[in-house]
């Protein structure tokens, strides 16, 4: 008996089940990626080698990334949604040390300022940015000020509800030591219960969700039909991902100054246009630096 033939048919990916490390807009695959052998039976369908399949997949990913970048520069024309460019703050010394920040007010380090300058230069090329909002914590606000200066000297509006999650007794601790230093707080931090607060005044995931998503919705309603920038923190951005994709996989690590674009429409509908874009850091030498932005965010 001859070996079974391999039949490849790549369907459009669901926005919220796609690999978060890849850009998410323009997910329709090119027509050449669907092979059906319409006039043949199963035994006669074309066999594709592993090399061919890998090549096609890589080509598709590269094409999707190219389309993502080219379309992100287009002017916003739809009055029915706000386009919100959400940026994580630049690196701090505490990020570098793996130290939990939460609501503690830590400044950017030199690498973080370089990252902020790189993302600011990138966003200065986006047309029609009408406003810049930021968490009131220094690491976010300084990043936002650098962006706002590059985008025509806009004023930065502080939004305390865009702060990182309050992590209670864990704040100020190095993560790898937290389990020994503050056992109860560390266990609460690792809990999968969304209503679990962290000892020492820390927030539950539900409290964080309500606080930060309500803030972004207020901004979206105020700026419908416009493009705005919001600078915030890794845990907050992951919460935004959860709001847009409640049944999707976790959004993955959120790198410092990564760009994540959300559309907020009438009826409080959220969609993700782009996720985890750090292409502006390719020449800075600080792409992989930083700590947090995933489940250990702080």
C-alpha atoms as a PDB file:
ATOM      1  CA  UNK A   1       0.000   0.000   0.000  1.00  0.00           C
ATOM      2  CA  UNK A   2       1.372   3.432  -0.887  1.00  0.00           C
ATOM      3  CA  UNK A   3       2.034   5.952   1.867  1.00  0.00           C
ATOM      4  CA  UNK A   4      -0.827   8.371   2.618  1.00  0.00           C
ATOM      5  CA  UNK A   5      -0.593  11.710   0.876  1.00  0.00           C
ATOM      6  CA  UNK A   6      -0.320  14.968   2.812  1.00  0.00           C
ATOM      7  CA  UNK A   7      -2.914  17.635   2.065  1.00  0.00           C
ATOM      8  CA  UNK A   8      -2.289  21.132   3.366  1.00  0.00           C
ATOM      9  CA  UNK A   9      -4.998  23.745   3.803  1.00  0.00           C
ATOM     10  CA  UNK A  10      -4.078  26.798   5.882  1.00  0.00           C
ATOM     11  CA  UNK A  11      -7.171  28.616   7.130  1.00  0.00           C
ATOM     12  CA  UNK A  12      -7.305  32.182   8.447  1.00  0.00           C
ATOM     13  CA  UNK A  13      -6.211  32.234  12.095  1.00  0.00           C
ATOM     14  CA  UNK A  14      -8.502  33.406  14.846  1.00  0.00           C
ATOM     15  CA  UNK A  15      -7.301  36.719  16.224  1.00  0.00           C
ATOM     16  CA  UNK A  16      -7.278  35.556  19.815  1.00  0.00           C
ATOM     17  CA  UNK A  17      -5.811  32.093  19.263  1.00  0.00           C
ATOM     18  CA  UNK A  18      -2.926  33.248  17.082  1.00  0.00           C
ATOM     19  CA  UNK A  19       0.631  33.098  18.480  1.00  0.00           C
ATOM     20  CA  UNK A  20       0.885  36.387  20.422  1.00  0.00           C
ATOM     21  CA  UNK A  21       4.475  36.928  19.273  1.00  0.00           C
ATOM     22  CA  UNK A  22       3.228  37.460  15.717  1.00  0.00           C
ATOM     23  CA  UNK A  23       1.415  40.552  14.376  1.00  0.00           C
ATOM     24  CA  UNK A  24      -2.330  39.993  14.360  1.00  0.00           C
ATOM     25  CA  UNK A  25      -3.823  42.131  11.624  1.00  0.00           C
ATOM     26  CA  UNK A  26      -4.337  41.024   8.024  1.00  0.00           C
ATOM     27  CA  UNK A  27      -4.637  37.357   8.896  1.00  0.00           C
ATOM     28  CA  UNK A  28      -6.147  36.204   5.601  1.00  0.00           C
ATOM     29  CA  UNK A  29      -3.604  33.838   4.027  1.00  0.00           C
ATOM     30  CA  UNK A  30      -2.702  34.326   0.347  1.00  0.00           C
ATOM     31  CA  UNK A  31      -4.670  32.097  -2.011  1.00  0.00           C
ATOM     32  CA  UNK A  32      -1.581  30.103  -2.942  1.00  0.00           C
ATOM     33  CA  UNK A  33      -1.576  28.568   0.534  1.00  0.00           C
ATOM     34  CA  UNK A  34      -4.766  26.553  -0.027  1.00  0.00           C
ATOM     35  CA  UNK A  35      -4.301  23.319  -1.951  1.00  0.00           C
ATOM     36  CA  UNK A  36      -7.343  21.193  -2.640  1.00  0.00           C
ATOM     37  CA  UNK A  37      -6.719  19.151  -5.807  1.00  0.00           C
ATOM     38  CA  UNK A  38     -10.308  19.682  -6.858  1.00  0.00           C
ATOM     39  CA  UNK A  39     -10.251  17.220  -9.780  1.00  0.00           C
ATOM     40  CA  UNK A  40      -8.289  14.476  -8.093  1.00  0.00           C
ATOM     41  CA  UNK A  41      -9.092  11.819  -5.569  1.00  0.00           C
ATOM     42  CA  UNK A  42      -7.368  11.567  -2.185  1.00  0.00           C
ATOM     43  CA  UNK A  43      -4.616   9.277  -3.479  1.00  0.00           C
ATOM     44  CA  UNK A  44      -3.689  11.744  -6.210  1.00  0.00           C
ATOM     45  CA  UNK A  45      -3.498  14.888  -4.100  1.00  0.00           C
ATOM     46  CA  UNK A  46      -0.212  16.707  -4.228  1.00  0.00           C
ATOM     47  CA  UNK A  47       2.405  15.714  -1.642  1.00  0.00           C
ATOM     48  CA  UNK A  48       4.280  18.547   0.013  1.00  0.00           C
ATOM     49  CA  UNK A  49       7.592  17.921   1.722  1.00  0.00           C
ATOM     50  CA  UNK A  50       8.327  19.233   5.187  1.00  0.00           C
ATOM     51  CA  UNK A  51      10.747  21.695   3.608  1.00  0.00           C
ATOM     52  CA  UNK A  52       8.050  23.059   1.312  1.00  0.00           C
ATOM     53  CA  UNK A  53       5.519  23.442   4.126  1.00  0.00           C
ATOM     54  CA  UNK A  54       8.074  25.226   6.332  1.00  0.00           C
ATOM     55  CA  UNK A  55       8.981  27.552   3.474  1.00  0.00           C
ATOM     56  CA  UNK A  56       5.344  28.438   2.823  1.00  0.00           C
ATOM     57  CA  UNK A  57       4.635  29.097   6.479  1.00  0.00           C
ATOM     58  CA  UNK A  58       7.675  31.347   6.813  1.00  0.00           C
ATOM     59  CA  UNK A  59       6.659  33.233   3.677  1.00  0.00           C
ATOM     60  CA  UNK A  60       3.162  33.742   5.025  1.00  0.00           C
ATOM     61  CA  UNK A  61       4.410  35.037   8.382  1.00  0.00           C
ATOM     62  CA  UNK A  62       6.819  37.450   6.674  1.00  0.00           C
ATOM     63  CA  UNK A  63       4.071  38.680   4.354  1.00  0.00           C
ATOM     64  CA  UNK A  64       1.664  39.192   7.265  1.00  0.00           C
ATOM     65  CA  UNK A  65       4.329  41.151   9.183  1.00  0.00           C
ATOM     66  CA  UNK A  66       5.038  43.350   6.155  1.00  0.00           C
ATOM     67  CA  UNK A  67       1.340  44.080   5.662  1.00  0.00           C
ATOM     68  CA  UNK A  68       0.977  44.840   9.380  1.00  0.00           C
ATOM     69  CA  UNK A  69       3.717  47.442   9.329  1.00  0.00           C
ATOM     70  CA  UNK A  70       2.574  49.094   6.109  1.00  0.00           C
ATOM     71  CA  UNK A  71      -1.054  49.357   7.180  1.00  0.00           C
ATOM     72  CA  UNK A  72      -0.329  50.673  10.687  1.00  0.00           C
ATOM     73  CA  UNK A  73       0.754  53.971   9.074  1.00  0.00           C
ATOM     74  CA  UNK A  74      -2.571  54.652   7.399  1.00  0.00           C
ATOM     75  CA  UNK A  75      -4.773  57.523   8.548  1.00  0.00           C
ATOM     76  CA  UNK A  76      -7.664  56.635  10.796  1.00  0.00           C
ATOM     77  CA  UNK A  77     -10.848  56.939   8.760  1.00  0.00           C
ATOM     78  CA  UNK A  78     -13.483  55.061  10.760  1.00  0.00           C
ATOM     79  CA  UNK A  79     -15.472  57.291  13.129  1.00  0.00           C
ATOM     80  CA  UNK A  80     -16.961  54.276  14.923  1.00  0.00           C
ATOM     81  CA  UNK A  81     -13.921  53.327  16.981  1.00  0.00           C
ATOM     82  CA  UNK A  82     -10.933  54.786  18.781  1.00  0.00           C
ATOM     83  CA  UNK A  83      -7.505  53.470  17.834  1.00  0.00           C
ATOM     84  CA  UNK A  84      -5.447  53.270  21.016  1.00  0.00           C
ATOM     85  CA  UNK A  85      -1.714  52.614  20.720  1.00  0.00           C
ATOM     86  CA  UNK A  86      -0.783  51.068  24.063  1.00  0.00           C
ATOM     87  CA  UNK A  87       2.927  51.154  24.958  1.00  0.00           C
ATOM     88  CA  UNK A  88       4.717  49.579  27.905  1.00  0.00           C
ATOM     89  CA  UNK A  89       7.141  51.911  29.694  1.00  0.00           C
ATOM     90  CA  UNK A  90      10.912  51.702  29.140  1.00  0.00           C
ATOM     91  CA  UNK A  91      13.280  49.669  31.276  1.00  0.00           C
ATOM     92  CA  UNK A  92      14.150  50.559  34.878  1.00  0.00           C
ATOM     93  CA  UNK A  93      17.002  49.364  37.090  1.00  0.00           C
ATOM     94  CA  UNK A  94      14.424  47.330  39.005  1.00  0.00           C
ATOM     95  CA  UNK A  95      13.352  45.638  35.766  1.00  0.00           C
ATOM     96  CA  UNK A  96      16.995  44.789  35.204  1.00  0.00           C
ATOM     97  CA  UNK A  97      17.382  43.395  38.744  1.00  0.00           C
ATOM     98  CA  UNK A  98      14.129  41.414  38.658  1.00  0.00           C
ATOM     99  CA  UNK A  99      12.746  43.528  41.506  1.00  0.00           C
ATOM    100  CA  UNK A 100       8.980  43.910  41.890  1.00  0.00           C
ATOM    101  CA  UNK A 101       7.791  47.510  41.434  1.00  0.00           C
ATOM    102  CA  UNK A 102       4.000  47.542  41.578  1.00  0.00           C
ATOM    103  CA  UNK A 103       2.971  51.028  42.714  1.00  0.00           C
ATOM    104  CA  UNK A 104       6.482  51.984  43.859  1.00  0.00           C
ATOM    105  CA  UNK A 105       7.755  54.911  41.822  1.00  0.00           C
ATOM    106  CA  UNK A 106      10.939  53.938  39.949  1.00  0.00           C
ATOM    107  CA  UNK A 107      12.563  55.982  37.182  1.00  0.00           C
ATOM    108  CA  UNK A 108      13.775  54.787  33.798  1.00  0.00           C
ATOM    109  CA  UNK A 109      17.410  53.766  33.473  1.00  0.00           C
ATOM    110  CA  UNK A 110      19.572  54.803  30.507  1.00  0.00           C
ATOM    111  CA  UNK A 111      18.512  51.776  28.459  1.00  0.00           C
ATOM    112  CA  UNK A 112      14.893  52.639  29.191  1.00  0.00           C
ATOM    113  CA  UNK A 113      15.406  56.171  27.913  1.00  0.00           C
ATOM    114  CA  UNK A 114      16.959  54.801  24.727  1.00  0.00           C
ATOM    115  CA  UNK A 115      13.965  52.499  24.306  1.00  0.00           C
ATOM    116  CA  UNK A 116      11.591  55.430  24.891  1.00  0.00           C
ATOM    117  CA  UNK A 117      13.427  57.518  22.293  1.00  0.00           C
ATOM    118  CA  UNK A 118      13.215  54.646  19.790  1.00  0.00           C
ATOM    119  CA  UNK A 119       9.475  54.112  20.238  1.00  0.00           C
ATOM    120  CA  UNK A 120       8.920  57.887  20.181  1.00  0.00           C
ATOM    121  CA  UNK A 121      10.681  58.147  16.838  1.00  0.00           C
ATOM    122  CA  UNK A 122       8.549  55.280  15.542  1.00  0.00           C
ATOM    123  CA  UNK A 123       5.286  56.841  16.721  1.00  0.00           C
ATOM    124  CA  UNK A 124       6.223  60.279  15.404  1.00  0.00           C
ATOM    125  CA  UNK A 125       5.670  58.772  11.945  1.00  0.00           C
ATOM    126  CA  UNK A 126       2.086  57.721  12.799  1.00  0.00           C
ATOM    127  CA  UNK A 127      -0.354  60.312  11.410  1.00  0.00           C
ATOM    128  CA  UNK A 128      -3.012  62.091  13.413  1.00  0.00           C
ATOM    129  CA  UNK A 129      -2.084  61.195  17.004  1.00  0.00           C
ATOM    130  CA  UNK A 130      -4.368  63.518  18.932  1.00  0.00           C
ATOM    131  CA  UNK A 131      -3.539  62.781  22.585  1.00  0.00           C
ATOM    132  CA  UNK A 132      -1.139  60.977  24.912  1.00  0.00           C
ATOM    133  CA  UNK A 133      -2.205  59.407  28.214  1.00  0.00           C
ATOM    134  CA  UNK A 134      -0.043  57.788  30.858  1.00  0.00           C
ATOM    135  CA  UNK A 135       0.046  56.097  34.201  1.00  0.00           C
ATOM    136  CA  UNK A 136       1.185  58.664  36.765  1.00  0.00           C
ATOM    137  CA  UNK A 137       4.152  56.502  37.832  1.00  0.00           C
ATOM    138  CA  UNK A 138       7.520  57.963  36.769  1.00  0.00           C
ATOM    139  CA  UNK A 139       8.619  55.089  34.525  1.00  0.00           C
ATOM    140  CA  UNK A 140       5.483  55.395  32.412  1.00  0.00           C
ATOM    141  CA  UNK A 141       5.141  59.174  32.564  1.00  0.00           C
ATOM    142  CA  UNK A 142       8.737  59.799  31.463  1.00  0.00           C
ATOM    143  CA  UNK A 143       8.257  57.376  28.552  1.00  0.00           C
ATOM    144  CA  UNK A 144       5.045  59.186  27.621  1.00  0.00           C
ATOM    145  CA  UNK A 145       6.692  62.612  27.772  1.00  0.00           C
ATOM    146  CA  UNK A 146       9.406  61.499  25.344  1.00  0.00           C
ATOM    147  CA  UNK A 147       6.729  60.161  22.985  1.00  0.00           C
ATOM    148  CA  UNK A 148       4.571  63.283  23.290  1.00  0.00           C
ATOM    149  CA  UNK A 149       7.510  65.563  22.491  1.00  0.00           C
ATOM    150  CA  UNK A 150       8.217  63.608  19.307  1.00  0.00           C
ATOM    151  CA  UNK A 151       4.552  63.673  18.312  1.00  0.00           C
ATOM    152  CA  UNK A 152       4.271  67.431  17.966  1.00  0.00           C
ATOM    153  CA  UNK A 153       4.723  68.516  21.566  1.00  0.00           C
ATOM    154  CA  UNK A 154       1.458  67.072  22.893  1.00  0.00           C
ATOM    155  CA  UNK A 155       0.632  67.350  26.578  1.00  0.00           C
ATOM    156  CA  UNK A 156       0.581  64.102  28.566  1.00  0.00           C
ATOM    157  CA  UNK A 157      -2.577  63.456  30.593  1.00  0.00           C
ATOM    158  CA  UNK A 158      -1.932  61.475  33.777  1.00  0.00           C
ATOM    159  CA  UNK A 159      -4.321  58.607  34.554  1.00  0.00           C
ATOM    160  CA  UNK A 160      -3.702  56.958  37.960  1.00  0.00           C
ATOM    161  CA  UNK A 161      -6.030  54.095  36.961  1.00  0.00           C
ATOM    162  CA  UNK A 162      -3.431  53.037  34.383  1.00  0.00           C
ATOM    163  CA  UNK A 163      -0.946  52.156  37.159  1.00  0.00           C
ATOM    164  CA  UNK A 164       0.572  48.699  37.474  1.00  0.00           C
ATOM    165  CA  UNK A 165      -1.155  46.216  39.778  1.00  0.00           C
ATOM    166  CA  UNK A 166      -0.539  46.961  43.466  1.00  0.00           C
ATOM    167  CA  UNK A 167       1.425  43.940  44.677  1.00  0.00           C
ATOM    168  CA  UNK A 168       1.274  44.514  48.410  1.00  0.00           C
ATOM    169  CA  UNK A 169       4.088  43.049  50.504  1.00  0.00           C
ATOM    170  CA  UNK A 170       5.920  41.875  47.385  1.00  0.00           C
ATOM    171  CA  UNK A 171       6.730  45.413  46.272  1.00  0.00           C
ATOM    172  CA  UNK A 172      10.439  46.123  46.524  1.00  0.00           C
ATOM    173  CA  UNK A 173      11.407  42.448  46.709  1.00  0.00           C
ATOM    174  CA  UNK A 174      13.505  40.560  44.169  1.00  0.00           C
ATOM    175  CA  UNK A 175      11.164  37.986  42.634  1.00  0.00           C
ATOM    176  CA  UNK A 176      13.491  35.016  43.104  1.00  0.00           C
ATOM    177  CA  UNK A 177      13.656  35.776  46.837  1.00  0.00           C
ATOM    178  CA  UNK A 178      10.009  36.695  47.385  1.00  0.00           C
ATOM    179  CA  UNK A 179       8.834  33.158  48.216  1.00  0.00           C
ATOM    180  CA  UNK A 180      11.138  33.068  51.261  1.00  0.00           C
ATOM    181  CA  UNK A 181      10.775  36.678  52.363  1.00  0.00           C
ATOM    182  CA  UNK A 182       6.976  36.986  52.097  1.00  0.00           C
ATOM    183  CA  UNK A 183       5.496  33.512  51.688  1.00  0.00           C
ATOM    184  CA  UNK A 184       1.805  34.395  52.013  1.00  0.00           C
ATOM    185  CA  UNK A 185       2.005  37.310  49.609  1.00  0.00           C
ATOM    186  CA  UNK A 186       3.929  35.195  47.091  1.00  0.00           C
ATOM    187  CA  UNK A 187       1.365  32.396  47.269  1.00  0.00           C
ATOM    188  CA  UNK A 188      -1.437  34.912  46.793  1.00  0.00           C
ATOM    189  CA  UNK A 189       0.411  36.339  43.791  1.00  0.00           C
ATOM    190  CA  UNK A 190       0.637  32.896  42.184  1.00  0.00           C
ATOM    191  CA  UNK A 191      -3.005  32.065  42.924  1.00  0.00           C
ATOM    192  CA  UNK A 192      -5.291  31.456  39.952  1.00  0.00           C
ATOM    193  CA  UNK A 193      -8.245  32.909  41.900  1.00  0.00           C
ATOM    194  CA  UNK A 194      -9.128  36.201  40.278  1.00  0.00           C
ATOM    195  CA  UNK A 195     -10.536  37.567  43.547  1.00  0.00           C
ATOM    196  CA  UNK A 196      -7.393  36.778  45.570  1.00  0.00           C
ATOM    197  CA  UNK A 197      -5.935  39.953  47.065  1.00  0.00           C
ATOM    198  CA  UNK A 198      -2.262  40.166  48.010  1.00  0.00           C
ATOM    199  CA  UNK A 199      -1.404  40.808  51.675  1.00  0.00           C
ATOM    200  CA  UNK A 200      -0.103  44.297  52.310  1.00  0.00           C
ATOM    201  CA  UNK A 201      -2.759  46.169  50.344  1.00  0.00           C
ATOM    202  CA  UNK A 202      -2.274  44.379  47.040  1.00  0.00           C
ATOM    203  CA  UNK A 203      -5.003  44.131  44.416  1.00  0.00           C
ATOM    204  CA  UNK A 204      -6.765  41.053  43.109  1.00  0.00           C
ATOM    205  CA  UNK A 205      -6.796  40.390  39.373  1.00  0.00           C
ATOM    206  CA  UNK A 206     -10.493  41.345  39.351  1.00  0.00           C
ATOM    207  CA  UNK A 207      -9.710  44.705  40.941  1.00  0.00           C
ATOM    208  CA  UNK A 208      -6.944  45.379  38.438  1.00  0.00           C
ATOM    209  CA  UNK A 209      -9.240  44.377  35.565  1.00  0.00           C
ATOM    210  CA  UNK A 210     -12.036  46.699  36.637  1.00  0.00           C
ATOM    211  CA  UNK A 211      -9.708  49.630  37.273  1.00  0.00           C
ATOM    212  CA  UNK A 212      -7.633  49.602  34.109  1.00  0.00           C
ATOM    213  CA  UNK A 213     -10.226  48.466  31.548  1.00  0.00           C
ATOM    214  CA  UNK A 214     -12.656  51.129  32.784  1.00  0.00           C
ATOM    215  CA  UNK A 215      -9.917  53.713  32.302  1.00  0.00           C
ATOM    216  CA  UNK A 216      -9.228  52.650  28.715  1.00  0.00           C
ATOM    217  CA  UNK A 217     -12.937  52.592  27.906  1.00  0.00           C
ATOM    218  CA  UNK A 218     -13.276  56.181  29.148  1.00  0.00           C
ATOM    219  CA  UNK A 219     -10.399  57.205  26.901  1.00  0.00           C
ATOM    220  CA  UNK A 220     -11.936  55.307  23.985  1.00  0.00           C
ATOM    221  CA  UNK A 221     -15.312  56.995  24.367  1.00  0.00           C
ATOM    222  CA  UNK A 222     -13.675  60.415  24.551  1.00  0.00           C
ATOM    223  CA  UNK A 223     -11.584  59.856  21.419  1.00  0.00           C
ATOM    224  CA  UNK A 224     -13.861  57.884  19.108  1.00  0.00           C
ATOM    225  CA  UNK A 225     -12.676  58.363  15.531  1.00  0.00           C
ATOM    226  CA  UNK A 226      -9.203  59.379  16.715  1.00  0.00           C
ATOM    227  CA  UNK A 227      -5.778  57.799  17.281  1.00  0.00           C
ATOM    228  CA  UNK A 228      -4.266  58.186  20.761  1.00  0.00           C
ATOM    229  CA  UNK A 229      -1.282  56.810  22.683  1.00  0.00           C
ATOM    230  CA  UNK A 230      -1.510  55.247  26.161  1.00  0.00           C
ATOM    231  CA  UNK A 231       1.647  54.431  28.147  1.00  0.00           C
ATOM    232  CA  UNK A 232       1.231  51.925  30.943  1.00  0.00           C
ATOM    233  CA  UNK A 233       2.624  48.704  32.488  1.00  0.00           C
ATOM    234  CA  UNK A 234       3.026  45.023  31.628  1.00  0.00           C
ATOM    235  CA  UNK A 235       0.327  43.692  33.947  1.00  0.00           C
ATOM    236  CA  UNK A 236      -2.138  46.296  32.693  1.00  0.00           C
ATOM    237  CA  UNK A 237      -1.447  45.490  29.045  1.00  0.00           C
ATOM    238  CA  UNK A 238      -1.954  41.782  29.689  1.00  0.00           C
ATOM    239  CA  UNK A 239      -5.293  42.683  31.282  1.00  0.00           C
ATOM    240  CA  UNK A 240      -6.237  44.625  28.136  1.00  0.00           C
ATOM    241  CA  UNK A 241      -5.408  41.518  26.102  1.00  0.00           C
ATOM    242  CA  UNK A 242      -7.703  39.480  28.354  1.00  0.00           C
ATOM    243  CA  UNK A 243     -10.486  42.029  27.861  1.00  0.00           C
ATOM    244  CA  UNK A 244     -10.144  41.880  24.065  1.00  0.00           C
ATOM    245  CA  UNK A 245      -9.652  38.087  23.937  1.00  0.00           C
ATOM    246  CA  UNK A 246     -11.397  36.596  26.987  1.00  0.00           C
ATOM    247  CA  UNK A 247     -11.192  33.043  25.603  1.00  0.00           C
ATOM    248  CA  UNK A 248      -7.787  33.355  24.005  1.00  0.00           C
ATOM    249  CA  UNK A 249      -4.402  32.147  25.127  1.00  0.00           C
ATOM    250  CA  UNK A 250      -2.339  34.329  27.458  1.00  0.00           C
ATOM    251  CA  UNK A 251      -0.815  37.271  25.651  1.00  0.00           C
ATOM    252  CA  UNK A 252       2.764  36.274  26.475  1.00  0.00           C
ATOM    253  CA  UNK A 253       5.556  38.495  27.674  1.00  0.00           C
ATOM    254  CA  UNK A 254       5.139  42.229  27.093  1.00  0.00           C
ATOM    255  CA  UNK A 255       8.565  43.727  26.392  1.00  0.00           C
ATOM    256  CA  UNK A 256       9.564  47.244  27.406  1.00  0.00           C
ATOM    257  CA  UNK A 257       8.216  49.866  24.931  1.00  0.00           C
ATOM    258  CA  UNK A 258       6.351  47.232  22.919  1.00  0.00           C
ATOM    259  CA  UNK A 259       3.488  48.606  20.805  1.00  0.00           C
ATOM    260  CA  UNK A 260       0.042  47.020  21.133  1.00  0.00           C
ATOM    261  CA  UNK A 261      -2.818  48.538  19.136  1.00  0.00           C
ATOM    262  CA  UNK A 262      -6.458  48.207  20.217  1.00  0.00           C
ATOM    263  CA  UNK A 263      -9.657  49.336  18.527  1.00  0.00           C
ATOM    264  CA  UNK A 264     -12.466  50.241  20.934  1.00  0.00           C
ATOM    265  CA  UNK A 265     -15.815  50.382  19.174  1.00  0.00           C
ATOM    266  CA  UNK A 266     -19.396  51.251  20.020  1.00  0.00           C
ATOM    267  CA  UNK A 267     -20.925  48.773  22.421  1.00  0.00           C
ATOM    268  CA  UNK A 268     -17.612  48.387  24.265  1.00  0.00           C
ATOM    269  CA  UNK A 269     -16.233  45.972  21.666  1.00  0.00           C
ATOM    270  CA  UNK A 270     -12.447  45.594  21.815  1.00  0.00           C
ATOM    271  CA  UNK A 271     -10.278  44.187  19.032  1.00  0.00           C
ATOM    272  CA  UNK A 272      -6.500  43.879  18.701  1.00  0.00           C
ATOM    273  CA  UNK A 273      -4.914  45.292  15.559  1.00  0.00           C
ATOM    274  CA  UNK A 274      -1.270  44.659  16.498  1.00  0.00           C
ATOM    275  CA  UNK A 275       0.422  42.916  19.423  1.00  0.00           C
ATOM    276  CA  UNK A 276       3.948  42.953  20.839  1.00  0.00           C
ATOM    277  CA  UNK A 277       5.589  45.042  18.121  1.00  0.00           C
ATOM    278  CA  UNK A 278       9.195  45.888  19.087  1.00  0.00           C
ATOM    279  CA  UNK A 279      10.602  46.345  15.583  1.00  0.00           C
ATOM    280  CA  UNK A 280      11.737  49.848  16.595  1.00  0.00           C
ATOM    281  CA  UNK A 281      14.225  48.266  19.024  1.00  0.00           C
ATOM    282  CA  UNK A 282      16.029  46.144  16.452  1.00  0.00           C
ATOM    283  CA  UNK A 283      18.981  48.533  16.300  1.00  0.00           C
ATOM    284  CA  UNK A 284      19.166  49.632  19.932  1.00  0.00           C
ATOM    285  CA  UNK A 285      20.766  46.545  21.476  1.00  0.00           C
ATOM    286  CA  UNK A 286      18.185  46.452  24.275  1.00  0.00           C
ATOM    287  CA  UNK A 287      15.469  44.327  22.670  1.00  0.00           C
ATOM    288  CA  UNK A 288      15.653  41.413  25.122  1.00  0.00           C
ATOM    289  CA  UNK A 289      16.350  43.399  28.279  1.00  0.00           C
ATOM    290  CA  UNK A 290      13.799  44.079  30.957  1.00  0.00           C
ATOM    291  CA  UNK A 291      11.791  42.141  33.489  1.00  0.00           C
ATOM    292  CA  UNK A 292       8.080  41.635  33.952  1.00  0.00           C
ATOM    293  CA  UNK A 293       5.318  42.028  31.455  1.00  0.00           C
ATOM    294  CA  UNK A 294       4.239  38.409  31.904  1.00  0.00           C
ATOM    295  CA  UNK A 295       2.746  36.628  34.906  1.00  0.00           C
ATOM    296  CA  UNK A 296       5.683  37.935  36.968  1.00  0.00           C
ATOM    297  CA  UNK A 297       4.934  41.487  35.900  1.00  0.00           C
ATOM    298  CA  UNK A 298       5.554  44.175  38.428  1.00  0.00           C
END
